[in-house]
Amino acid sequence: MIELFVKIFNTTERLDTIGDENISITYSIDDIADVSSKDTSYSKDFQLPATKNNNRIFNHYYDTSRYGTGSDFDAQKSYEAELHIDGYVVIRGFLQLISITKKGNEYYYKVV
């Protein structure tokens, strides 16, 4: 089971994922002999469905009339995040909203 958690203003929220989405993760190990080389692990971008829960967290970001609602979410920022698989932390890092996509009548949040 894939679970994604994001920390927004000291509150940890669980985001809804697409159950069968492949999330590509690249792991890097630092070269301890060369301090200047700093490789980090990262994921490629992936999509989250615009569910009731995700819309609440992202404050319906796809809806341009939402401005001025006093949302805590800021798409210009990265937020602390953890990806869990079967209860184990697979990667810790930051989550950022890249764009919104629409397929038919459904919206998706593209994040990295």
C-alpha atoms as a PDB file:
ATOM      1  CA  MET A   1       0.000   0.000   0.000  1.00  0.00           C
ATOM      2  CA  ILE A   2       1.401   3.381  -1.069  1.00  0.00           C
ATOM      3  CA  GLU A   3       0.843   6.301   1.293  1.00  0.00           C
ATOM      4  CA  LEU A   4       2.029   9.871   0.809  1.00  0.00           C
ATOM      5  CA  PHE A   5       2.232  12.317   3.693  1.00  0.00           C
ATOM      6  CA  VAL A   6       2.903  16.044   3.436  1.00  0.00           C
ATOM      7  CA  LYS A   7       3.545  18.530   6.222  1.00  0.00           C
ATOM      8  CA  ILE A   8       1.824  21.877   5.698  1.00  0.00           C
ATOM      9  CA  PHE A   9       2.166  24.455   8.468  1.00  0.00           C
ATOM     10  CA  ASN A  10       3.075  21.898  11.157  1.00  0.00           C
ATOM     11  CA  THR A  11       0.163  19.629  10.262  1.00  0.00           C
ATOM     12  CA  THR A  12       0.853  16.267   8.638  1.00  0.00           C
ATOM     13  CA  GLU A  13      -1.738  15.366   6.015  1.00  0.00           C
ATOM     14  CA  ARG A  14      -2.210  12.080   4.139  1.00  0.00           C
ATOM     15  CA  LEU A  15      -2.703  12.608   0.413  1.00  0.00           C
ATOM     16  CA  ASP A  16      -4.832  10.281  -1.690  1.00  0.00           C
ATOM     17  CA  THR A  17      -2.847   8.477  -4.375  1.00  0.00           C
ATOM     18  CA  ILE A  18      -3.834   6.604  -7.500  1.00  0.00           C
ATOM     19  CA  GLY A  19      -3.645   3.016  -6.334  1.00  0.00           C
ATOM     20  CA  ASP A  20      -1.787   1.598  -9.340  1.00  0.00           C
ATOM     21  CA  GLU A  21       0.425   4.610 -10.167  1.00  0.00           C
ATOM     22  CA  ASN A  22       4.099   3.825 -10.675  1.00  0.00           C
ATOM     23  CA  ILE A  23       6.248   6.308  -8.793  1.00  0.00           C
ATOM     24  CA  SER A  24       9.795   6.180 -10.134  1.00  0.00           C
ATOM     25  CA  ILE A  25      12.418   6.843  -7.462  1.00  0.00           C
ATOM     26  CA  THR A  26      16.125   7.312  -8.099  1.00  0.00           C
ATOM     27  CA  TYR A  27      18.368   6.555  -5.148  1.00  0.00           C
ATOM     28  CA  SER A  28      21.827   8.081  -4.880  1.00  0.00           C
ATOM     29  CA  ILE A  29      24.548   7.426  -2.372  1.00  0.00           C
ATOM     30  CA  ASP A  30      26.926  10.249  -1.501  1.00  0.00           C
ATOM     31  CA  ASP A  31      30.582   9.791  -2.311  1.00  0.00           C
ATOM     32  CA  ILE A  32      32.042  10.238   1.166  1.00  0.00           C
ATOM     33  CA  ALA A  33      35.533  10.696  -0.290  1.00  0.00           C
ATOM     34  CA  ASP A  34      34.406  13.753  -2.283  1.00  0.00           C
ATOM     35  CA  VAL A  35      32.431  16.135  -0.080  1.00  0.00           C
ATOM     36  CA  SER A  36      31.665  18.456  -3.011  1.00  0.00           C
ATOM     37  CA  SER A  37      29.627  15.776  -4.809  1.00  0.00           C
ATOM     38  CA  LYS A  38      26.179  15.859  -3.261  1.00  0.00           C
ATOM     39  CA  ASP A  39      23.788  13.451  -4.943  1.00  0.00           C
ATOM     40  CA  THR A  40      20.333  13.033  -3.501  1.00  0.00           C
ATOM     41  CA  SER A  41      17.487  10.601  -3.965  1.00  0.00           C
ATOM     42  CA  TYR A  42      14.451  11.893  -5.828  1.00  0.00           C
ATOM     43  CA  SER A  43      11.251  10.840  -7.535  1.00  0.00           C
ATOM     44  CA  LYS A  44      10.043  11.682 -11.001  1.00  0.00           C
ATOM     45  CA  ASP A  45       6.798  13.600 -11.255  1.00  0.00           C
ATOM     46  CA  PHE A  46       3.554  11.726 -10.715  1.00  0.00           C
ATOM     47  CA  GLN A  47      -0.147  12.506 -10.430  1.00  0.00           C
ATOM     48  CA  LEU A  48      -2.530  12.678  -7.512  1.00  0.00           C
ATOM     49  CA  PRO A  49      -6.287  12.582  -8.104  1.00  0.00           C
ATOM     50  CA  ALA A  50      -8.375  15.646  -7.263  1.00  0.00           C
ATOM     51  CA  THR A  51     -10.284  13.843  -4.516  1.00  0.00           C
ATOM     52  CA  LYS A  52     -12.228  15.625  -1.798  1.00  0.00           C
ATOM     53  CA  ASN A  53      -9.262  15.182   0.565  1.00  0.00           C
ATOM     54  CA  ASN A  54      -6.597  16.324  -1.932  1.00  0.00           C
ATOM     55  CA  ASN A  55      -8.735  19.290  -2.995  1.00  0.00           C
ATOM     56  CA  ARG A  56      -8.958  20.334   0.656  1.00  0.00           C
ATOM     57  CA  ILE A  57      -5.173  20.128   1.073  1.00  0.00           C
ATOM     58  CA  PHE A  58      -4.344  21.835  -2.254  1.00  0.00           C
ATOM     59  CA  ASN A  59      -7.308  24.203  -1.797  1.00  0.00           C
ATOM     60  CA  HIS A  60      -8.855  23.336  -5.188  1.00  0.00           C
ATOM     61  CA  TYR A  61      -5.794  24.798  -6.921  1.00  0.00           C
ATOM     62  CA  TYR A  62      -7.242  24.017 -10.383  1.00  0.00           C
ATOM     63  CA  ASP A  63     -10.127  26.444  -9.742  1.00  0.00           C
ATOM     64  CA  THR A  64      -9.010  29.969 -10.686  1.00  0.00           C
ATOM     65  CA  SER A  65     -11.896  31.517  -8.716  1.00  0.00           C
ATOM     66  CA  ARG A  66     -10.392  30.181  -5.479  1.00  0.00           C
ATOM     67  CA  TYR A  67      -8.011  33.134  -5.074  1.00  0.00           C
ATOM     68  CA  GLY A  68      -8.656  35.289  -2.069  1.00  0.00           C
ATOM     69  CA  THR A  69      -9.970  32.386   0.000  1.00  0.00           C
ATOM     70  CA  GLY A  70      -7.101  32.587   2.508  1.00  0.00           C
ATOM     71  CA  SER A  71      -5.631  29.201   1.619  1.00  0.00           C
ATOM     72  CA  ASP A  72      -2.609  27.939   3.508  1.00  0.00           C
ATOM     73  CA  PHE A  73      -1.322  26.129   0.407  1.00  0.00           C
ATOM     74  CA  ASP A  74       1.249  27.947  -1.749  1.00  0.00           C
ATOM     75  CA  ALA A  75       2.270  26.272  -5.038  1.00  0.00           C
ATOM     76  CA  GLN A  76       5.505  28.270  -5.076  1.00  0.00           C
ATOM     77  CA  LYS A  77       6.749  26.400  -1.993  1.00  0.00           C
ATOM     78  CA  SER A  78       7.986  22.881  -1.379  1.00  0.00           C
ATOM     79  CA  TYR A  79       6.583  21.008   1.590  1.00  0.00           C
ATOM     80  CA  GLU A  80       8.174  18.264   3.682  1.00  0.00           C
ATOM     81  CA  ALA A  81       6.891  14.880   2.573  1.00  0.00           C
ATOM     82  CA  GLU A  82       7.302  11.137   3.126  1.00  0.00           C
ATOM     83  CA  LEU A  83       6.409   8.259   0.838  1.00  0.00           C
ATOM     84  CA  HIS A  84       5.494   5.040   2.656  1.00  0.00           C
ATOM     85  CA  ILE A  85       5.060   1.597   1.159  1.00  0.00           C
ATOM     86  CA  ASP A  86       3.459  -1.056   3.345  1.00  0.00           C
ATOM     87  CA  GLY A  87       4.112   1.108   6.407  1.00  0.00           C
ATOM     88  CA  TYR A  88       7.831   1.668   5.713  1.00  0.00           C
ATOM     89  CA  VAL A  89       9.312   5.061   4.851  1.00  0.00           C
ATOM     90  CA  VAL A  90      10.774   4.699   1.352  1.00  0.00           C
ATOM     91  CA  ILE A  91      11.831   8.293   0.803  1.00  0.00           C
ATOM     92  CA  ARG A  92      11.782  11.552   2.774  1.00  0.00           C
ATOM     93  CA  GLY A  93      12.056  14.854   1.036  1.00  0.00           C
ATOM     94  CA  PHE A  94       9.928  17.630  -0.327  1.00  0.00           C
ATOM     95  CA  LEU A  95       6.764  17.724  -2.403  1.00  0.00           C
ATOM     96  CA  GLN A  96       5.910  20.507  -4.830  1.00  0.00           C
ATOM     97  CA  LEU A  97       2.924  21.023  -7.082  1.00  0.00           C
ATOM     98  CA  ILE A  98       4.092  21.364 -10.699  1.00  0.00           C
ATOM     99  CA  SER A  99       0.843  21.635 -12.637  1.00  0.00           C
ATOM    100  CA  ILE A 100      -2.781  20.613 -12.987  1.00  0.00           C
ATOM    101  CA  THR A 101      -3.988  18.250 -15.696  1.00  0.00           C
ATOM    102  CA  LYS A 102      -7.521  17.490 -16.793  1.00  0.00           C
ATOM    103  CA  LYS A 103      -8.608  14.185 -18.318  1.00  0.00           C
ATOM    104  CA  GLY A 104     -12.250  14.266 -19.315  1.00  0.00           C
ATOM    105  CA  ASN A 105     -14.075  15.721 -16.311  1.00  0.00           C
ATOM    106  CA  GLU A 106     -11.369  14.680 -13.838  1.00  0.00           C
ATOM    107  CA  TYR A 107      -8.560  16.869 -12.499  1.00  0.00           C
ATOM    108  CA  TYR A 108      -5.151  15.661 -11.343  1.00  0.00           C
ATOM    109  CA  TYR A 109      -2.398  17.358  -9.387  1.00  0.00           C
ATOM    110  CA  LYS A 110       1.033  16.745 -10.936  1.00  0.00           C
ATOM    111  CA  VAL A 111       3.646  16.740  -8.169  1.00  0.00           C
ATOM    112  CA  VAL A 112       7.295  15.920  -7.732  1.00  0.00           C
END
